Every structure is written in structure tokens, then in C-alpha cells.
Protein backbone atom coordinates (compact mmCIF):
# COMPACT_ATOMS: atom_id res chain seq x y z
CA MET A 1 -0.25 -28.99 22.33
CA SER A 2 -2.93 -28.43 19.82
CA THR A 3 -4.88 -31.04 18.09
CA LEU A 4 -3.65 -32.67 15.17
CA ILE A 5 -5.72 -33.32 12.26
CA LYS A 6 -5.55 -36.48 9.68
CA LYS A 7 -5.04 -35.80 6.15
CA PRO A 8 -4.30 -38.70 3.41
CA GLU A 9 -0.83 -38.58 2.78
CA ALA A 10 -1.26 -37.77 -0.63
CA GLN A 11 -3.75 -34.45 -0.18
CA TYR A 12 -0.92 -33.63 1.95
CA ALA A 13 1.67 -33.63 -0.14
CA VAL A 14 -0.11 -31.72 -2.88
CA ASP A 15 -1.26 -29.17 -0.98
CA HIS A 16 1.68 -28.63 1.20
CA PRO A 17 5.46 -27.75 -0.27
CA ILE A 18 8.24 -29.09 1.91
CA ASP A 19 8.88 -27.15 4.74
CA PRO A 20 12.17 -28.26 5.96
CA GLU A 21 12.29 -26.21 9.41
CA GLY A 22 8.94 -27.79 10.23
CA ILE A 23 9.70 -31.06 9.55
CA TRP A 24 13.15 -30.45 11.52
CA THR A 25 11.30 -29.56 14.50
CA ARG A 26 8.85 -32.03 14.18
CA THR A 27 11.79 -34.56 14.44
CA GLU A 28 13.75 -33.04 16.84
CA LEU A 29 10.61 -33.06 19.10
CA VAL A 30 9.74 -36.76 18.87
CA LEU A 31 13.60 -37.73 18.99
CA SER A 32 14.05 -35.32 22.33
CA MET A 33 11.14 -37.53 23.66
CA LYS A 34 11.55 -39.92 26.52
CA LEU A 35 9.44 -43.11 27.40
CA SER A 36 9.00 -42.24 30.96
CA THR A 37 7.94 -38.61 30.44
CA THR A 38 6.03 -38.71 27.42
CA THR A 39 2.15 -39.25 27.63
CA ARG A 40 0.63 -41.67 25.12
CA GLU A 41 -2.32 -39.00 23.99
CA THR A 42 1.17 -37.14 23.08
CA MET A 43 2.83 -40.07 21.32
CA ASP A 44 -0.55 -40.77 19.68
CA ALA A 45 -1.18 -36.97 18.77
CA SER A 46 2.54 -36.29 17.32
CA VAL A 47 1.88 -39.90 14.73
CA PRO A 48 -0.05 -37.94 11.93
CA ALA A 49 2.07 -35.28 11.56
CA LEU A 50 4.46 -36.96 11.51
CA VAL A 51 3.64 -39.67 8.74
CA ASP A 52 2.40 -36.36 6.52
CA GLN A 53 5.93 -34.71 6.88
CA LEU A 54 7.50 -38.38 6.14
CA SER A 55 4.97 -39.13 3.00
CA SER A 56 5.94 -35.47 1.34
CA LEU A 57 9.35 -36.21 1.14
CA LEU A 58 8.37 -39.41 0.14
CA ASN A 59 6.63 -38.18 -2.53
CA LEU A 60 9.54 -36.43 -3.58
CA ASP A 61 12.77 -37.50 -6.52
CA LEU A 62 15.33 -37.35 -3.92
CA GLY A 63 17.40 -39.54 -5.98
CA GLN A 64 16.67 -43.18 -5.37
CA ALA A 65 17.37 -44.40 -8.85
CA GLU A 66 21.15 -43.41 -8.36
CA ASP A 67 21.80 -43.66 -5.02
CA GLN A 68 21.16 -47.05 -3.39
CA ILE A 69 21.33 -45.65 0.13
CA VAL A 70 18.58 -43.31 -0.54
CA GLN A 71 16.24 -45.54 -2.59
CA GLY A 72 17.02 -47.87 1.22
CA LEU A 73 15.77 -44.93 2.80
CA VAL A 74 13.05 -44.58 1.14
CA ARG A 75 11.86 -48.17 0.92
CA LYS A 76 12.12 -48.12 4.61
CA GLY A 77 10.30 -44.81 4.93
CA ARG A 78 7.49 -46.12 3.02
CA SER A 79 7.28 -49.38 4.60
CA LEU A 80 6.62 -47.14 7.57
CA ILE A 81 4.13 -45.01 6.93
CA GLU A 82 1.49 -48.18 5.13
CA HIS A 83 -1.49 -48.18 7.19
CA GLY A 84 -0.93 -52.19 8.71
CA GLU A 85 2.60 -50.60 10.04
CA ARG A 86 1.04 -47.79 12.21
CA PRO A 87 0.57 -48.18 15.39
CA THR A 88 -2.91 -48.40 16.97
CA ASN A 89 -5.03 -48.33 20.28
CA ASP A 90 -4.01 -51.43 20.54
CA THR A 91 -0.52 -51.19 20.35
CA PRO A 92 1.64 -50.51 23.50
CA ALA A 93 2.71 -47.29 24.19
CA PHE A 94 6.49 -48.84 23.87
CA GLY A 95 5.85 -49.80 20.32
CA VAL A 96 4.16 -46.39 19.62
CA PHE A 97 7.22 -44.72 21.23
CA LEU A 98 9.69 -47.12 18.87
CA TYR A 99 7.26 -46.38 15.83
CA LEU A 100 7.69 -43.05 16.23
CA ARG A 101 11.57 -42.64 16.56
CA ASP A 102 11.71 -45.05 14.09
CA THR A 103 9.49 -42.51 11.52
CA ALA A 104 11.28 -39.29 13.00
CA ALA A 105 15.44 -41.06 12.33
CA ILE A 106 13.93 -41.57 8.56
CA ALA A 107 12.18 -38.67 8.16
CA ARG A 108 15.81 -36.95 9.39
CA ARG A 109 17.57 -38.63 7.14
CA LEU A 110 15.51 -38.00 3.94
CA LEU A 111 15.61 -34.26 5.06
CA TRP A 112 19.52 -33.76 5.22
CA VAL A 113 19.35 -35.64 1.29
CA TYR A 114 16.69 -33.37 0.04
CA ALA A 115 18.28 -30.36 1.95
CA GLU A 116 21.79 -31.65 0.27
CA ARG A 117 19.92 -31.61 -3.43
CA GLU A 118 18.23 -28.61 -2.85
CA GLY A 119 21.64 -26.70 -1.81
CA ARG A 120 19.38 -25.83 1.75
CA LEU A 121 20.04 -26.77 4.75
CA PRO A 122 17.53 -27.25 7.64
CA TYR A 123 16.99 -25.38 10.51
CA ALA A 124 19.49 -27.34 13.09
CA GLY A 125 19.23 -24.84 16.31
């Protein structure tokens, strides 16, 4: 797996347009991880890119002002990307695994909201 470089969330959102296929692929990889066969190194390497992608979705107007479900997803997404909530070196592997799954699930749901609003379905296969 290639080395991922962590960028601040705000910089990522400014410099990169939304990449539905990239977000779909990343979330698919994370959601297909198995705790028993995925190394801690692989999980740790996945966190920055996934946080960046979720952050880019959270910086969009996804209709959260009019939709309480979207509002809840945005609130949950923001809580996941706060620095105090992210896994650290002291976080057990199971904690990192759960964090990745939660973050990928929220990113996937927000991606569907984005795709529906934009009339673009993400890559699904």
C-alpha cells in the first residue's frame, strides 16, 4: 500500500473537488477490512485519507438545514473528525477498526446524499 500524506482538512477541501469514485473506493476498502486479517499499519494508514474525504463532504452544503437526517449525519461526521476523537498510537487495534468503520459508513451515507443532490451516482462496481 502506498504511503498516505496527511493534509489539514480545510486545505484538502479547498484544493480537491469531490471525487465520488475515490470516496466510494476508499470506503469500500475500509468496509471490507477484516480485523483478523488487517494489520494495524494498514488501518493507521487509512485514517488520514478517510478523514480527508469525509471532511471534504462535510464542507459541502448537503441540505442539512432542511433535512434532519442529513443534519444528524453531518453532526456525527464532524464529531468523528475532531482531533480528540481520532485514534492515537495508544488506541487498541479494535478501536481503530471501529473508528474506520464508523467514519467510512458516515462518509458513504453523505456520499449518497451528495450524489442524489448532484444527480451523480457514485461508482458502485
